[in-house]
Amino acid sequence: SEGWKLFVDYGEQLLGAPATDKKL
């Protein structure tokens, strides 16, 4: 909102999730 950014959660993917080794 208006250049301000609020993020919710930043965890690891569960085993078997797609692109597990891809860093955001």
PDBML (XML) file of the C-alpha atoms, coordinates in Angstrom:
<?xml version="1.0" encoding="UTF-8" ?>
<PDBx:datablock datablockName="MODEL"
   xmlns:PDBx="http://pdbml.pdb.org/schema/pdbx-v50.xsd"
   xmlns:xsi="http://www.w3.org/2001/XMLSchema-instance"
   xsi:schemaLocation="http://pdbml.pdb.org/schema/pdbx-v50.xsd pdbx-v50.xsd">
   <PDBx:atom_siteCategory>
      <PDBx:atom_site id="1">
         <PDBx:B_iso_or_equiv>0.00</PDBx:B_iso_or_equiv>
         <PDBx:Cartn_x>0.000</PDBx:Cartn_x>
         <PDBx:Cartn_y>0.000</PDBx:Cartn_y>
         <PDBx:Cartn_z>0.000</PDBx:Cartn_z>
         <PDBx:auth_asym_id>A</PDBx:auth_asym_id>
         <PDBx:auth_atom_id>CA</PDBx:auth_atom_id>
         <PDBx:auth_comp_id>SER</PDBx:auth_comp_id>
         <PDBx:auth_seq_id>1</PDBx:auth_seq_id>
         <PDBx:group_PDB>ATOM</PDBx:group_PDB>
         <PDBx:label_alt_id xsi:nil="true" />
         <PDBx:label_asym_id>A</PDBx:label_asym_id>
         <PDBx:label_atom_id>CA</PDBx:label_atom_id>
         <PDBx:label_comp_id>SER</PDBx:label_comp_id>
         <PDBx:label_entity_id>1</PDBx:label_entity_id>
         <PDBx:label_seq_id>1</PDBx:label_seq_id>
         <PDBx:occupancy>1.00</PDBx:occupancy>
         <PDBx:pdbx_PDB_model_num>1</PDBx:pdbx_PDB_model_num>
         <PDBx:type_symbol>C</PDBx:type_symbol>
      </PDBx:atom_site>
      <PDBx:atom_site id="2">
         <PDBx:B_iso_or_equiv>0.00</PDBx:B_iso_or_equiv>
         <PDBx:Cartn_x>1.487</PDBx:Cartn_x>
         <PDBx:Cartn_y>3.325</PDBx:Cartn_y>
         <PDBx:Cartn_z>-1.128</PDBx:Cartn_z>
         <PDBx:auth_asym_id>A</PDBx:auth_asym_id>
         <PDBx:auth_atom_id>CA</PDBx:auth_atom_id>
         <PDBx:auth_comp_id>GLU</PDBx:auth_comp_id>
         <PDBx:auth_seq_id>2</PDBx:auth_seq_id>
         <PDBx:group_PDB>ATOM</PDBx:group_PDB>
         <PDBx:label_alt_id xsi:nil="true" />
         <PDBx:label_asym_id>A</PDBx:label_asym_id>
         <PDBx:label_atom_id>CA</PDBx:label_atom_id>
         <PDBx:label_comp_id>GLU</PDBx:label_comp_id>
         <PDBx:label_entity_id>1</PDBx:label_entity_id>
         <PDBx:label_seq_id>2</PDBx:label_seq_id>
         <PDBx:occupancy>1.00</PDBx:occupancy>
         <PDBx:pdbx_PDB_model_num>1</PDBx:pdbx_PDB_model_num>
         <PDBx:type_symbol>C</PDBx:type_symbol>
      </PDBx:atom_site>
      <PDBx:atom_site id="3">
         <PDBx:B_iso_or_equiv>0.00</PDBx:B_iso_or_equiv>
         <PDBx:Cartn_x>4.953</PDBx:Cartn_x>
         <PDBx:Cartn_y>1.788</PDBx:Cartn_y>
         <PDBx:Cartn_z>-1.383</PDBx:Cartn_z>
         <PDBx:auth_asym_id>A</PDBx:auth_asym_id>
         <PDBx:auth_atom_id>CA</PDBx:auth_atom_id>
         <PDBx:auth_comp_id>GLY</PDBx:auth_comp_id>
         <PDBx:auth_seq_id>3</PDBx:auth_seq_id>
         <PDBx:group_PDB>ATOM</PDBx:group_PDB>
         <PDBx:label_alt_id xsi:nil="true" />
         <PDBx:label_asym_id>A</PDBx:label_asym_id>
         <PDBx:label_atom_id>CA</PDBx:label_atom_id>
         <PDBx:label_comp_id>GLY</PDBx:label_comp_id>
         <PDBx:label_entity_id>1</PDBx:label_entity_id>
         <PDBx:label_seq_id>3</PDBx:label_seq_id>
         <PDBx:occupancy>1.00</PDBx:occupancy>
         <PDBx:pdbx_PDB_model_num>1</PDBx:pdbx_PDB_model_num>
         <PDBx:type_symbol>C</PDBx:type_symbol>
      </PDBx:atom_site>
      <PDBx:atom_site id="4">
         <PDBx:B_iso_or_equiv>0.00</PDBx:B_iso_or_equiv>
         <PDBx:Cartn_x>4.790</PDBx:Cartn_x>
         <PDBx:Cartn_y>0.127</PDBx:Cartn_y>
         <PDBx:Cartn_z>2.048</PDBx:Cartn_z>
         <PDBx:auth_asym_id>A</PDBx:auth_asym_id>
         <PDBx:auth_atom_id>CA</PDBx:auth_atom_id>
         <PDBx:auth_comp_id>TRP</PDBx:auth_comp_id>
         <PDBx:auth_seq_id>4</PDBx:auth_seq_id>
         <PDBx:group_PDB>ATOM</PDBx:group_PDB>
         <PDBx:label_alt_id xsi:nil="true" />
         <PDBx:label_asym_id>A</PDBx:label_asym_id>
         <PDBx:label_atom_id>CA</PDBx:label_atom_id>
         <PDBx:label_comp_id>TRP</PDBx:label_comp_id>
         <PDBx:label_entity_id>1</PDBx:label_entity_id>
         <PDBx:label_seq_id>4</PDBx:label_seq_id>
         <PDBx:occupancy>1.00</PDBx:occupancy>
         <PDBx:pdbx_PDB_model_num>1</PDBx:pdbx_PDB_model_num>
         <PDBx:type_symbol>C</PDBx:type_symbol>
      </PDBx:atom_site>
      <PDBx:atom_site id="5">
         <PDBx:B_iso_or_equiv>0.00</PDBx:B_iso_or_equiv>
         <PDBx:Cartn_x>5.102</PDBx:Cartn_x>
         <PDBx:Cartn_y>-3.670</PDBx:Cartn_y>
         <PDBx:Cartn_z>2.027</PDBx:Cartn_z>
         <PDBx:auth_asym_id>A</PDBx:auth_asym_id>
         <PDBx:auth_atom_id>CA</PDBx:auth_atom_id>
         <PDBx:auth_comp_id>LYS</PDBx:auth_comp_id>
         <PDBx:auth_seq_id>5</PDBx:auth_seq_id>
         <PDBx:group_PDB>ATOM</PDBx:group_PDB>
         <PDBx:label_alt_id xsi:nil="true" />
         <PDBx:label_asym_id>A</PDBx:label_asym_id>
         <PDBx:label_atom_id>CA</PDBx:label_atom_id>
         <PDBx:label_comp_id>LYS</PDBx:label_comp_id>
         <PDBx:label_entity_id>1</PDBx:label_entity_id>
         <PDBx:label_seq_id>5</PDBx:label_seq_id>
         <PDBx:occupancy>1.00</PDBx:occupancy>
         <PDBx:pdbx_PDB_model_num>1</PDBx:pdbx_PDB_model_num>
         <PDBx:type_symbol>C</PDBx:type_symbol>
      </PDBx:atom_site>
      <PDBx:atom_site id="6">
         <PDBx:B_iso_or_equiv>0.00</PDBx:B_iso_or_equiv>
         <PDBx:Cartn_x>3.923</PDBx:Cartn_x>
         <PDBx:Cartn_y>-6.124</PDBx:Cartn_y>
         <PDBx:Cartn_z>4.638</PDBx:Cartn_z>
         <PDBx:auth_asym_id>A</PDBx:auth_asym_id>
         <PDBx:auth_atom_id>CA</PDBx:auth_atom_id>
         <PDBx:auth_comp_id>LEU</PDBx:auth_comp_id>
         <PDBx:auth_seq_id>6</PDBx:auth_seq_id>
         <PDBx:group_PDB>ATOM</PDBx:group_PDB>
         <PDBx:label_alt_id xsi:nil="true" />
         <PDBx:label_asym_id>A</PDBx:label_asym_id>
         <PDBx:label_atom_id>CA</PDBx:label_atom_id>
         <PDBx:label_comp_id>LEU</PDBx:label_comp_id>
         <PDBx:label_entity_id>1</PDBx:label_entity_id>
         <PDBx:label_seq_id>6</PDBx:label_seq_id>
         <PDBx:occupancy>1.00</PDBx:occupancy>
         <PDBx:pdbx_PDB_model_num>1</PDBx:pdbx_PDB_model_num>
         <PDBx:type_symbol>C</PDBx:type_symbol>
      </PDBx:atom_site>
      <PDBx:atom_site id="7">
         <PDBx:B_iso_or_equiv>0.00</PDBx:B_iso_or_equiv>
         <PDBx:Cartn_x>4.894</PDBx:Cartn_x>
         <PDBx:Cartn_y>-9.777</PDBx:Cartn_y>
         <PDBx:Cartn_z>4.193</PDBx:Cartn_z>
         <PDBx:auth_asym_id>A</PDBx:auth_asym_id>
         <PDBx:auth_atom_id>CA</PDBx:auth_atom_id>
         <PDBx:auth_comp_id>PHE</PDBx:auth_comp_id>
         <PDBx:auth_seq_id>7</PDBx:auth_seq_id>
         <PDBx:group_PDB>ATOM</PDBx:group_PDB>
         <PDBx:label_alt_id xsi:nil="true" />
         <PDBx:label_asym_id>A</PDBx:label_asym_id>
         <PDBx:label_atom_id>CA</PDBx:label_atom_id>
         <PDBx:label_comp_id>PHE</PDBx:label_comp_id>
         <PDBx:label_entity_id>1</PDBx:label_entity_id>
         <PDBx:label_seq_id>7</PDBx:label_seq_id>
         <PDBx:occupancy>1.00</PDBx:occupancy>
         <PDBx:pdbx_PDB_model_num>1</PDBx:pdbx_PDB_model_num>
         <PDBx:type_symbol>C</PDBx:type_symbol>
      </PDBx:atom_site>
      <PDBx:atom_site id="8">
         <PDBx:B_iso_or_equiv>0.00</PDBx:B_iso_or_equiv>
         <PDBx:Cartn_x>3.392</PDBx:Cartn_x>
         <PDBx:Cartn_y>-12.735</PDBx:Cartn_y>
         <PDBx:Cartn_z>6.070</PDBx:Cartn_z>
         <PDBx:auth_asym_id>A</PDBx:auth_asym_id>
         <PDBx:auth_atom_id>CA</PDBx:auth_atom_id>
         <PDBx:auth_comp_id>VAL</PDBx:auth_comp_id>
         <PDBx:auth_seq_id>8</PDBx:auth_seq_id>
         <PDBx:group_PDB>ATOM</PDBx:group_PDB>
         <PDBx:label_alt_id xsi:nil="true" />
         <PDBx:label_asym_id>A</PDBx:label_asym_id>
         <PDBx:label_atom_id>CA</PDBx:label_atom_id>
         <PDBx:label_comp_id>VAL</PDBx:label_comp_id>
         <PDBx:label_entity_id>1</PDBx:label_entity_id>
         <PDBx:label_seq_id>8</PDBx:label_seq_id>
         <PDBx:occupancy>1.00</PDBx:occupancy>
         <PDBx:pdbx_PDB_model_num>1</PDBx:pdbx_PDB_model_num>
         <PDBx:type_symbol>C</PDBx:type_symbol>
      </PDBx:atom_site>
      <PDBx:atom_site id="9">
         <PDBx:B_iso_or_equiv>0.00</PDBx:B_iso_or_equiv>
         <PDBx:Cartn_x>5.530</PDBx:Cartn_x>
         <PDBx:Cartn_y>-15.827</PDBx:Cartn_y>
         <PDBx:Cartn_z>6.803</PDBx:Cartn_z>
         <PDBx:auth_asym_id>A</PDBx:auth_asym_id>
         <PDBx:auth_atom_id>CA</PDBx:auth_atom_id>
         <PDBx:auth_comp_id>ASP</PDBx:auth_comp_id>
         <PDBx:auth_seq_id>9</PDBx:auth_seq_id>
         <PDBx:group_PDB>ATOM</PDBx:group_PDB>
         <PDBx:label_alt_id xsi:nil="true" />
         <PDBx:label_asym_id>A</PDBx:label_asym_id>
         <PDBx:label_atom_id>CA</PDBx:label_atom_id>
         <PDBx:label_comp_id>ASP</PDBx:label_comp_id>
         <PDBx:label_entity_id>1</PDBx:label_entity_id>
         <PDBx:label_seq_id>9</PDBx:label_seq_id>
         <PDBx:occupancy>1.00</PDBx:occupancy>
         <PDBx:pdbx_PDB_model_num>1</PDBx:pdbx_PDB_model_num>
         <PDBx:type_symbol>C</PDBx:type_symbol>
      </PDBx:atom_site>
      <PDBx:atom_site id="10">
         <PDBx:B_iso_or_equiv>0.00</PDBx:B_iso_or_equiv>
         <PDBx:Cartn_x>8.812</PDBx:Cartn_x>
         <PDBx:Cartn_y>-16.925</PDBx:Cartn_y>
         <PDBx:Cartn_z>5.298</PDBx:Cartn_z>
         <PDBx:auth_asym_id>A</PDBx:auth_asym_id>
         <PDBx:auth_atom_id>CA</PDBx:auth_atom_id>
         <PDBx:auth_comp_id>TYR</PDBx:auth_comp_id>
         <PDBx:auth_seq_id>10</PDBx:auth_seq_id>
         <PDBx:group_PDB>ATOM</PDBx:group_PDB>
         <PDBx:label_alt_id xsi:nil="true" />
         <PDBx:label_asym_id>A</PDBx:label_asym_id>
         <PDBx:label_atom_id>CA</PDBx:label_atom_id>
         <PDBx:label_comp_id>TYR</PDBx:label_comp_id>
         <PDBx:label_entity_id>1</PDBx:label_entity_id>
         <PDBx:label_seq_id>10</PDBx:label_seq_id>
         <PDBx:occupancy>1.00</PDBx:occupancy>
         <PDBx:pdbx_PDB_model_num>1</PDBx:pdbx_PDB_model_num>
         <PDBx:type_symbol>C</PDBx:type_symbol>
      </PDBx:atom_site>
      <PDBx:atom_site id="11">
         <PDBx:B_iso_or_equiv>0.00</PDBx:B_iso_or_equiv>
         <PDBx:Cartn_x>9.420</PDBx:Cartn_x>
         <PDBx:Cartn_y>-20.614</PDBx:Cartn_y>
         <PDBx:Cartn_z>5.923</PDBx:Cartn_z>
         <PDBx:auth_asym_id>A</PDBx:auth_asym_id>
         <PDBx:auth_atom_id>CA</PDBx:auth_atom_id>
         <PDBx:auth_comp_id>GLY</PDBx:auth_comp_id>
         <PDBx:auth_seq_id>11</PDBx:auth_seq_id>
         <PDBx:group_PDB>ATOM</PDBx:group_PDB>
         <PDBx:label_alt_id xsi:nil="true" />
         <PDBx:label_asym_id>A</PDBx:label_asym_id>
         <PDBx:label_atom_id>CA</PDBx:label_atom_id>
         <PDBx:label_comp_id>GLY</PDBx:label_comp_id>
         <PDBx:label_entity_id>1</PDBx:label_entity_id>
         <PDBx:label_seq_id>11</PDBx:label_seq_id>
         <PDBx:occupancy>1.00</PDBx:occupancy>
         <PDBx:pdbx_PDB_model_num>1</PDBx:pdbx_PDB_model_num>
         <PDBx:type_symbol>C</PDBx:type_symbol>
      </PDBx:atom_site>
      <PDBx:atom_site id="12">
         <PDBx:B_iso_or_equiv>0.00</PDBx:B_iso_or_equiv>
         <PDBx:Cartn_x>10.856</PDBx:Cartn_x>
         <PDBx:Cartn_y>-23.685</PDBx:Cartn_y>
         <PDBx:Cartn_z>4.321</PDBx:Cartn_z>
         <PDBx:auth_asym_id>A</PDBx:auth_asym_id>
         <PDBx:auth_atom_id>CA</PDBx:auth_atom_id>
         <PDBx:auth_comp_id>GLU</PDBx:auth_comp_id>
         <PDBx:auth_seq_id>12</PDBx:auth_seq_id>
         <PDBx:group_PDB>ATOM</PDBx:group_PDB>
         <PDBx:label_alt_id xsi:nil="true" />
         <PDBx:label_asym_id>A</PDBx:label_asym_id>
         <PDBx:label_atom_id>CA</PDBx:label_atom_id>
         <PDBx:label_comp_id>GLU</PDBx:label_comp_id>
         <PDBx:label_entity_id>1</PDBx:label_entity_id>
         <PDBx:label_seq_id>12</PDBx:label_seq_id>
         <PDBx:occupancy>1.00</PDBx:occupancy>
         <PDBx:pdbx_PDB_model_num>1</PDBx:pdbx_PDB_model_num>
         <PDBx:type_symbol>C</PDBx:type_symbol>
      </PDBx:atom_site>
      <PDBx:atom_site id="13">
         <PDBx:B_iso_or_equiv>0.00</PDBx:B_iso_or_equiv>
         <PDBx:Cartn_x>8.909</PDBx:Cartn_x>
         <PDBx:Cartn_y>-25.761</PDBx:Cartn_y>
         <PDBx:Cartn_z>1.833</PDBx:Cartn_z>
         <PDBx:auth_asym_id>A</PDBx:auth_asym_id>
         <PDBx:auth_atom_id>CA</PDBx:auth_atom_id>
         <PDBx:auth_comp_id>GLN</PDBx:auth_comp_id>
         <PDBx:auth_seq_id>13</PDBx:auth_seq_id>
         <PDBx:group_PDB>ATOM</PDBx:group_PDB>
         <PDBx:label_alt_id xsi:nil="true" />
         <PDBx:label_asym_id>A</PDBx:label_asym_id>
         <PDBx:label_atom_id>CA</PDBx:label_atom_id>
         <PDBx:label_comp_id>GLN</PDBx:label_comp_id>
         <PDBx:label_entity_id>1</PDBx:label_entity_id>
         <PDBx:label_seq_id>13</PDBx:label_seq_id>
         <PDBx:occupancy>1.00</PDBx:occupancy>
         <PDBx:pdbx_PDB_model_num>1</PDBx:pdbx_PDB_model_num>
         <PDBx:type_symbol>C</PDBx:type_symbol>
      </PDBx:atom_site>
      <PDBx:atom_site id="14">
         <PDBx:B_iso_or_equiv>0.00</PDBx:B_iso_or_equiv>
         <PDBx:Cartn_x>7.696</PDBx:Cartn_x>
         <PDBx:Cartn_y>-29.166</PDBx:Cartn_y>
         <PDBx:Cartn_z>2.879</PDBx:Cartn_z>
         <PDBx:auth_asym_id>A</PDBx:auth_asym_id>
         <PDBx:auth_atom_id>CA</PDBx:auth_atom_id>
         <PDBx:auth_comp_id>LEU</PDBx:auth_comp_id>
         <PDBx:auth_seq_id>14</PDBx:auth_seq_id>
         <PDBx:group_PDB>ATOM</PDBx:group_PDB>
         <PDBx:label_alt_id xsi:nil="true" />
         <PDBx:label_asym_id>A</PDBx:label_asym_id>
         <PDBx:label_atom_id>CA</PDBx:label_atom_id>
         <PDBx:label_comp_id>LEU</PDBx:label_comp_id>
         <PDBx:label_entity_id>1</PDBx:label_entity_id>
         <PDBx:label_seq_id>14</PDBx:label_seq_id>
         <PDBx:occupancy>1.00</PDBx:occupancy>
         <PDBx:pdbx_PDB_model_num>1</PDBx:pdbx_PDB_model_num>
         <PDBx:type_symbol>C</PDBx:type_symbol>
      </PDBx:atom_site>
      <PDBx:atom_site id="15">
         <PDBx:B_iso_or_equiv>0.00</PDBx:B_iso_or_equiv>
         <PDBx:Cartn_x>9.551</PDBx:Cartn_x>
         <PDBx:Cartn_y>-32.212</PDBx:Cartn_y>
         <PDBx:Cartn_z>1.598</PDBx:Cartn_z>
         <PDBx:auth_asym_id>A</PDBx:auth_asym_id>
         <PDBx:auth_atom_id>CA</PDBx:auth_atom_id>
         <PDBx:auth_comp_id>LEU</PDBx:auth_comp_id>
         <PDBx:auth_seq_id>15</PDBx:auth_seq_id>
         <PDBx:group_PDB>ATOM</PDBx:group_PDB>
         <PDBx:label_alt_id xsi:nil="true" />
         <PDBx:label_asym_id>A</PDBx:label_asym_id>
         <PDBx:label_atom_id>CA</PDBx:label_atom_id>
         <PDBx:label_comp_id>LEU</PDBx:label_comp_id>
         <PDBx:label_entity_id>1</PDBx:label_entity_id>
         <PDBx:label_seq_id>15</PDBx:label_seq_id>
         <PDBx:occupancy>1.00</PDBx:occupancy>
         <PDBx:pdbx_PDB_model_num>1</PDBx:pdbx_PDB_model_num>
         <PDBx:type_symbol>C</PDBx:type_symbol>
      </PDBx:atom_site>
      <PDBx:atom_site id="16">
         <PDBx:B_iso_or_equiv>0.00</PDBx:B_iso_or_equiv>
         <PDBx:Cartn_x>8.412</PDBx:Cartn_x>
         <PDBx:Cartn_y>-33.131</PDBx:Cartn_y>
         <PDBx:Cartn_z>-1.881</PDBx:Cartn_z>
         <PDBx:auth_asym_id>A</PDBx:auth_asym_id>
         <PDBx:auth_atom_id>CA</PDBx:auth_atom_id>
         <PDBx:auth_comp_id>GLY</PDBx:auth_comp_id>
         <PDBx:auth_seq_id>16</PDBx:auth_seq_id>
         <PDBx:group_PDB>ATOM</PDBx:group_PDB>
         <PDBx:label_alt_id xsi:nil="true" />
         <PDBx:label_asym_id>A</PDBx:label_asym_id>
         <PDBx:label_atom_id>CA</PDBx:label_atom_id>
         <PDBx:label_comp_id>GLY</PDBx:label_comp_id>
         <PDBx:label_entity_id>1</PDBx:label_entity_id>
         <PDBx:label_seq_id>16</PDBx:label_seq_id>
         <PDBx:occupancy>1.00</PDBx:occupancy>
         <PDBx:pdbx_PDB_model_num>1</PDBx:pdbx_PDB_model_num>
         <PDBx:type_symbol>C</PDBx:type_symbol>
      </PDBx:atom_site>
      <PDBx:atom_site id="17">
         <PDBx:B_iso_or_equiv>0.00</PDBx:B_iso_or_equiv>
         <PDBx:Cartn_x>7.141</PDBx:Cartn_x>
         <PDBx:Cartn_y>-29.643</PDBx:Cartn_y>
         <PDBx:Cartn_z>-2.718</PDBx:Cartn_z>
         <PDBx:auth_asym_id>A</PDBx:auth_asym_id>
         <PDBx:auth_atom_id>CA</PDBx:auth_atom_id>
         <PDBx:auth_comp_id>ALA</PDBx:auth_comp_id>
         <PDBx:auth_seq_id>17</PDBx:auth_seq_id>
         <PDBx:group_PDB>ATOM</PDBx:group_PDB>
         <PDBx:label_alt_id xsi:nil="true" />
         <PDBx:label_asym_id>A</PDBx:label_asym_id>
         <PDBx:label_atom_id>CA</PDBx:label_atom_id>
         <PDBx:label_comp_id>ALA</PDBx:label_comp_id>
         <PDBx:label_entity_id>1</PDBx:label_entity_id>
         <PDBx:label_seq_id>17</PDBx:label_seq_id>
         <PDBx:occupancy>1.00</PDBx:occupancy>
         <PDBx:pdbx_PDB_model_num>1</PDBx:pdbx_PDB_model_num>
         <PDBx:type_symbol>C</PDBx:type_symbol>
      </PDBx:atom_site>
      <PDBx:atom_site id="18">
         <PDBx:B_iso_or_equiv>0.00</PDBx:B_iso_or_equiv>
         <PDBx:Cartn_x>7.829</PDBx:Cartn_x>
         <PDBx:Cartn_y>-28.396</PDBx:Cartn_y>
         <PDBx:Cartn_z>-6.247</PDBx:Cartn_z>
         <PDBx:auth_asym_id>A</PDBx:auth_asym_id>
         <PDBx:auth_atom_id>CA</PDBx:auth_atom_id>
         <PDBx:auth_comp_id>PRO</PDBx:auth_comp_id>
         <PDBx:auth_seq_id>18</PDBx:auth_seq_id>
         <PDBx:group_PDB>ATOM</PDBx:group_PDB>
         <PDBx:label_alt_id xsi:nil="true" />
         <PDBx:label_asym_id>A</PDBx:label_asym_id>
         <PDBx:label_atom_id>CA</PDBx:label_atom_id>
         <PDBx:label_comp_id>PRO</PDBx:label_comp_id>
         <PDBx:label_entity_id>1</PDBx:label_entity_id>
         <PDBx:label_seq_id>18</PDBx:label_seq_id>
         <PDBx:occupancy>1.00</PDBx:occupancy>
         <PDBx:pdbx_PDB_model_num>1</PDBx:pdbx_PDB_model_num>
         <PDBx:type_symbol>C</PDBx:type_symbol>
      </PDBx:atom_site>
      <PDBx:atom_site id="19">
         <PDBx:B_iso_or_equiv>0.00</PDBx:B_iso_or_equiv>
         <PDBx:Cartn_x>11.030</PDBx:Cartn_x>
         <PDBx:Cartn_y>-26.407</PDBx:Cartn_y>
         <PDBx:Cartn_z>-6.808</PDBx:Cartn_z>
         <PDBx:auth_asym_id>A</PDBx:auth_asym_id>
         <PDBx:auth_atom_id>CA</PDBx:auth_atom_id>
         <PDBx:auth_comp_id>ALA</PDBx:auth_comp_id>
         <PDBx:auth_seq_id>19</PDBx:auth_seq_id>
         <PDBx:group_PDB>ATOM</PDBx:group_PDB>
         <PDBx:label_alt_id xsi:nil="true" />
         <PDBx:label_asym_id>A</PDBx:label_asym_id>
         <PDBx:label_atom_id>CA</PDBx:label_atom_id>
         <PDBx:label_comp_id>ALA</PDBx:label_comp_id>
         <PDBx:label_entity_id>1</PDBx:label_entity_id>
         <PDBx:label_seq_id>19</PDBx:label_seq_id>
         <PDBx:occupancy>1.00</PDBx:occupancy>
         <PDBx:pdbx_PDB_model_num>1</PDBx:pdbx_PDB_model_num>
         <PDBx:type_symbol>C</PDBx:type_symbol>
      </PDBx:atom_site>
      <PDBx:atom_site id="20">
         <PDBx:B_iso_or_equiv>0.00</PDBx:B_iso_or_equiv>
         <PDBx:Cartn_x>12.218</PDBx:Cartn_x>
         <PDBx:Cartn_y>-27.154</PDBx:Cartn_y>
         <PDBx:Cartn_z>-3.281</PDBx:Cartn_z>
         <PDBx:auth_asym_id>A</PDBx:auth_asym_id>
         <PDBx:auth_atom_id>CA</PDBx:auth_atom_id>
         <PDBx:auth_comp_id>THR</PDBx:auth_comp_id>
         <PDBx:auth_seq_id>20</PDBx:auth_seq_id>
         <PDBx:group_PDB>ATOM</PDBx:group_PDB>
         <PDBx:label_alt_id xsi:nil="true" />
         <PDBx:label_asym_id>A</PDBx:label_asym_id>
         <PDBx:label_atom_id>CA</PDBx:label_atom_id>
         <PDBx:label_comp_id>THR</PDBx:label_comp_id>
         <PDBx:label_entity_id>1</PDBx:label_entity_id>
         <PDBx:label_seq_id>20</PDBx:label_seq_id>
         <PDBx:occupancy>1.00</PDBx:occupancy>
         <PDBx:pdbx_PDB_model_num>1</PDBx:pdbx_PDB_model_num>
         <PDBx:type_symbol>C</PDBx:type_symbol>
      </PDBx:atom_site>
      <PDBx:atom_site id="21">
         <PDBx:B_iso_or_equiv>0.00</PDBx:B_iso_or_equiv>
         <PDBx:Cartn_x>15.729</PDBx:Cartn_x>
         <PDBx:Cartn_y>-25.878</PDBx:Cartn_y>
         <PDBx:Cartn_z>-3.995</PDBx:Cartn_z>
         <PDBx:auth_asym_id>A</PDBx:auth_asym_id>
         <PDBx:auth_atom_id>CA</PDBx:auth_atom_id>
         <PDBx:auth_comp_id>ASP</PDBx:auth_comp_id>
         <PDBx:auth_seq_id>21</PDBx:auth_seq_id>
         <PDBx:group_PDB>ATOM</PDBx:group_PDB>
         <PDBx:label_alt_id xsi:nil="true" />
         <PDBx:label_asym_id>A</PDBx:label_asym_id>
         <PDBx:label_atom_id>CA</PDBx:label_atom_id>
         <PDBx:label_comp_id>ASP</PDBx:label_comp_id>
         <PDBx:label_entity_id>1</PDBx:label_entity_id>
         <PDBx:label_seq_id>21</PDBx:label_seq_id>
         <PDBx:occupancy>1.00</PDBx:occupancy>
         <PDBx:pdbx_PDB_model_num>1</PDBx:pdbx_PDB_model_num>
         <PDBx:type_symbol>C</PDBx:type_symbol>
      </PDBx:atom_site>
      <PDBx:atom_site id="22">
         <PDBx:B_iso_or_equiv>0.00</PDBx:B_iso_or_equiv>
         <PDBx:Cartn_x>14.567</PDBx:Cartn_x>
         <PDBx:Cartn_y>-22.639</PDBx:Cartn_y>
         <PDBx:Cartn_z>-5.614</PDBx:Cartn_z>
         <PDBx:auth_asym_id>A</PDBx:auth_asym_id>
         <PDBx:auth_atom_id>CA</PDBx:auth_atom_id>
         <PDBx:auth_comp_id>LYS</PDBx:auth_comp_id>
         <PDBx:auth_seq_id>22</PDBx:auth_seq_id>
         <PDBx:group_PDB>ATOM</PDBx:group_PDB>
         <PDBx:label_alt_id xsi:nil="true" />
         <PDBx:label_asym_id>A</PDBx:label_asym_id>
         <PDBx:label_atom_id>CA</PDBx:label_atom_id>
         <PDBx:label_comp_id>LYS</PDBx:label_comp_id>
         <PDBx:label_entity_id>1</PDBx:label_entity_id>
         <PDBx:label_seq_id>22</PDBx:label_seq_id>
         <PDBx:occupancy>1.00</PDBx:occupancy>
         <PDBx:pdbx_PDB_model_num>1</PDBx:pdbx_PDB_model_num>
         <PDBx:type_symbol>C</PDBx:type_symbol>
      </PDBx:atom_site>
      <PDBx:atom_site id="23">
         <PDBx:B_iso_or_equiv>0.00</PDBx:B_iso_or_equiv>
         <PDBx:Cartn_x>15.319</PDBx:Cartn_x>
         <PDBx:Cartn_y>-19.588</PDBx:Cartn_y>
         <PDBx:Cartn_z>-3.493</PDBx:Cartn_z>
         <PDBx:auth_asym_id>A</PDBx:auth_asym_id>
         <PDBx:auth_atom_id>CA</PDBx:auth_atom_id>
         <PDBx:auth_comp_id>LYS</PDBx:auth_comp_id>
         <PDBx:auth_seq_id>23</PDBx:auth_seq_id>
         <PDBx:group_PDB>ATOM</PDBx:group_PDB>
         <PDBx:label_alt_id xsi:nil="true" />
         <PDBx:label_asym_id>A</PDBx:label_asym_id>
         <PDBx:label_atom_id>CA</PDBx:label_atom_id>
         <PDBx:label_comp_id>LYS</PDBx:label_comp_id>
         <PDBx:label_entity_id>1</PDBx:label_entity_id>
         <PDBx:label_seq_id>23</PDBx:label_seq_id>
         <PDBx:occupancy>1.00</PDBx:occupancy>
         <PDBx:pdbx_PDB_model_num>1</PDBx:pdbx_PDB_model_num>
         <PDBx:type_symbol>C</PDBx:type_symbol>
      </PDBx:atom_site>
      <PDBx:atom_site id="24">
         <PDBx:B_iso_or_equiv>0.00</PDBx:B_iso_or_equiv>
         <PDBx:Cartn_x>12.723</PDBx:Cartn_x>
         <PDBx:Cartn_y>-16.842</PDBx:Cartn_y>
         <PDBx:Cartn_z>-3.673</PDBx:Cartn_z>
         <PDBx:auth_asym_id>A</PDBx:auth_asym_id>
         <PDBx:auth_atom_id>CA</PDBx:auth_atom_id>
         <PDBx:auth_comp_id>LEU</PDBx:auth_comp_id>
         <PDBx:auth_seq_id>24</PDBx:auth_seq_id>
         <PDBx:group_PDB>ATOM</PDBx:group_PDB>
         <PDBx:label_alt_id xsi:nil="true" />
         <PDBx:label_asym_id>A</PDBx:label_asym_id>
         <PDBx:label_atom_id>CA</PDBx:label_atom_id>
         <PDBx:label_comp_id>LEU</PDBx:label_comp_id>
         <PDBx:label_entity_id>1</PDBx:label_entity_id>
         <PDBx:label_seq_id>24</PDBx:label_seq_id>
         <PDBx:occupancy>1.00</PDBx:occupancy>
         <PDBx:pdbx_PDB_model_num>1</PDBx:pdbx_PDB_model_num>
         <PDBx:type_symbol>C</PDBx:type_symbol>
      </PDBx:atom_site>
   </PDBx:atom_siteCategory>
</PDBx:datablock>
